[in-house]
Amino acid sequence: MDRHQLCEALRAAGVPDAYYEIPGCPSGRPPHECYYLAQREGEWIVGVHERGRREVLKTFADESRACAWLYERLADEGPPPSRPTATEMDELLHDSEGIERRAQEQLARALAESRHGTRHDPPTGGH
């Protein structure tokens, strides 16, 4: 798979353009926090662009392996969401700031785990 095929595959999988930055893959707006693919000095690099900084996660000798690795990270849907309980529904309706804060924390944790090659499933059920 090359970067153009990767772009097509990600779109077919329903991955939003804002999740990645790939050379030659047009997107609607410049991403601020996303994965990126780049070629530098004969290597292919996959990393994260976060808070204005770029961090390399992995390097590959060829484009195909880099694209496959990035596709696995972005197209993995993970477990389906569970239906919220009555208490969780009430919280959703009344605590939008807290929910936003927790979502940002979960995103930061997921990006950190991705950088370290670990992945933990979120707890199910209550808080």
Protein backbone atom coordinates (compact mmCIF):
# COMPACT_ATOMS: atom_id res chain seq x y z
CA MET A 1 0.00 0.00 0.00
CA ASP A 2 1.31 3.47 -0.82
CA ARG A 3 0.24 6.77 0.75
CA HIS A 4 -2.41 7.42 -1.92
CA GLN A 5 -3.96 3.99 -1.36
CA LEU A 6 -3.77 4.61 2.40
CA CYS A 7 -5.71 7.83 1.98
CA GLU A 8 -8.42 6.04 -0.01
CA ALA A 9 -8.56 3.16 2.49
CA LEU A 10 -8.90 5.52 5.47
CA ARG A 11 -11.72 7.39 3.78
CA ALA A 12 -13.44 4.11 2.90
CA ALA A 13 -13.13 3.06 6.57
CA GLY A 14 -14.80 6.32 7.63
CA VAL A 15 -11.75 7.78 9.40
CA PRO A 16 -12.17 11.59 9.51
CA ASP A 17 -9.57 13.60 7.54
CA ALA A 18 -8.72 15.55 10.70
CA TYR A 19 -7.18 12.41 12.25
CA TYR A 20 -4.24 12.27 9.85
CA GLU A 21 -1.85 14.25 7.70
CA ILE A 22 -0.53 12.38 4.66
CA PRO A 23 1.48 13.94 1.81
CA GLY A 24 -0.64 14.14 -1.34
CA CYS A 25 -3.84 13.39 0.56
CA PRO A 26 -6.05 16.47 0.48
CA SER A 27 -7.93 17.35 3.64
CA GLY A 28 -10.48 20.01 4.47
CA ARG A 29 -8.41 21.91 7.03
CA PRO A 30 -4.95 21.62 8.51
CA PRO A 31 -5.00 19.15 11.41
CA HIS A 32 -3.71 20.28 14.79
CA GLU A 33 -3.66 17.02 16.74
CA CYS A 34 -3.30 14.03 14.47
CA TYR A 35 -1.11 11.25 13.19
CA TYR A 36 1.24 12.13 10.36
CA LEU A 37 3.19 10.27 7.69
CA ALA A 38 6.40 11.73 6.27
CA GLN A 39 9.42 10.70 4.26
CA ARG A 40 12.79 11.88 5.49
CA GLU A 41 16.29 10.83 4.50
CA GLY A 42 15.12 7.62 2.84
CA GLU A 43 12.92 6.53 5.75
CA TRP A 44 9.18 6.68 6.28
CA ILE A 45 8.11 8.17 9.57
CA VAL A 46 4.81 7.87 11.40
CA GLY A 47 4.25 10.18 14.32
CA VAL A 48 1.82 12.40 16.14
CA HIS A 49 1.35 16.12 15.73
CA GLU A 50 0.20 17.40 19.09
CA ARG A 51 0.11 20.93 20.52
CA GLY A 52 2.27 22.30 17.73
CA ARG A 53 4.97 19.64 18.14
CA ARG A 54 5.72 16.55 16.10
CA GLU A 55 6.83 13.37 17.78
CA VAL A 56 8.08 10.34 15.85
CA LEU A 57 6.40 7.09 16.89
CA LYS A 58 8.01 4.67 14.42
CA THR A 59 10.31 4.68 11.42
CA PHE A 60 10.11 2.27 8.50
CA ALA A 61 12.42 1.37 5.63
CA ASP A 62 9.55 1.37 3.13
CA GLU A 63 6.33 3.24 2.49
CA SER A 64 4.15 0.13 2.44
CA ARG A 65 4.96 -0.91 6.00
CA ALA A 66 4.55 2.64 7.30
CA CYS A 67 1.14 2.92 5.61
CA ALA A 68 -0.01 -0.46 6.95
CA TRP A 69 1.03 0.47 10.49
CA LEU A 70 -0.77 3.82 10.32
CA TYR A 71 -3.89 2.22 8.84
CA GLU A 72 -4.06 -0.25 11.74
CA ARG A 73 -3.88 2.61 14.25
CA LEU A 74 -6.54 4.74 12.59
CA ALA A 75 -9.01 2.19 11.23
CA ASP A 76 -9.24 0.02 14.37
CA GLU A 77 -12.69 0.82 15.66
CA GLY A 78 -12.21 -0.76 19.06
CA PRO A 79 -15.13 -2.13 21.04
CA PRO A 80 -18.60 -0.77 20.31
CA PRO A 81 -19.86 1.84 22.77
CA SER A 82 -22.14 0.64 25.54
CA ARG A 83 -25.56 2.17 26.13
CA PRO A 84 -25.41 4.83 28.89
CA THR A 85 -27.15 4.18 32.19
CA ALA A 86 -29.80 6.59 33.52
CA THR A 87 -27.18 8.19 35.80
CA GLU A 88 -24.73 8.60 32.90
CA MET A 89 -27.50 10.11 30.75
CA ASP A 90 -28.29 12.63 33.48
CA GLU A 91 -24.60 13.51 33.70
CA LEU A 92 -24.41 13.95 29.92
CA LEU A 93 -27.27 16.41 30.07
CA HIS A 94 -25.97 18.45 33.00
CA ASP A 95 -22.16 18.27 33.13
CA SER A 96 -20.88 19.24 29.69
CA GLU A 97 -17.68 20.89 31.00
CA GLY A 98 -16.74 17.84 33.05
CA ILE A 99 -17.44 15.56 30.11
CA GLU A 100 -15.30 17.69 27.81
CA ARG A 101 -12.44 17.66 30.35
CA ARG A 102 -12.62 13.86 30.70
CA ALA A 103 -12.72 13.44 26.93
CA GLN A 104 -9.56 15.55 26.59
CA GLU A 105 -7.90 13.44 29.31
CA GLN A 106 -8.89 10.22 27.53
CA LEU A 107 -7.53 11.54 24.23
CA ALA A 108 -4.23 12.50 25.85
CA ARG A 109 -4.01 9.07 27.49
CA ALA A 110 -4.77 7.29 24.20
CA LEU A 111 -2.11 9.30 22.36
CA ALA A 112 0.43 8.55 25.10
CA GLU A 113 -0.40 4.84 24.98
CA SER A 114 -0.10 4.90 21.20
CA ARG A 115 3.36 6.43 21.46
CA HIS A 116 4.44 3.71 23.85
CA GLY A 117 2.83 0.87 21.88
CA THR A 118 0.40 -0.05 24.65
CA ARG A 119 -3.34 -0.07 24.54
CA HIS A 120 -5.80 -0.45 27.38
CA ASP A 121 -9.50 -0.90 26.94
CA PRO A 122 -11.61 1.70 28.75
CA PRO A 123 -13.51 0.53 31.80
CA THR A 124 -17.07 -0.49 31.13
CA GLY A 125 -20.14 0.55 33.04
CA GLY A 126 -19.98 3.26 35.73
CA HIS A 127 -17.22 5.74 36.52
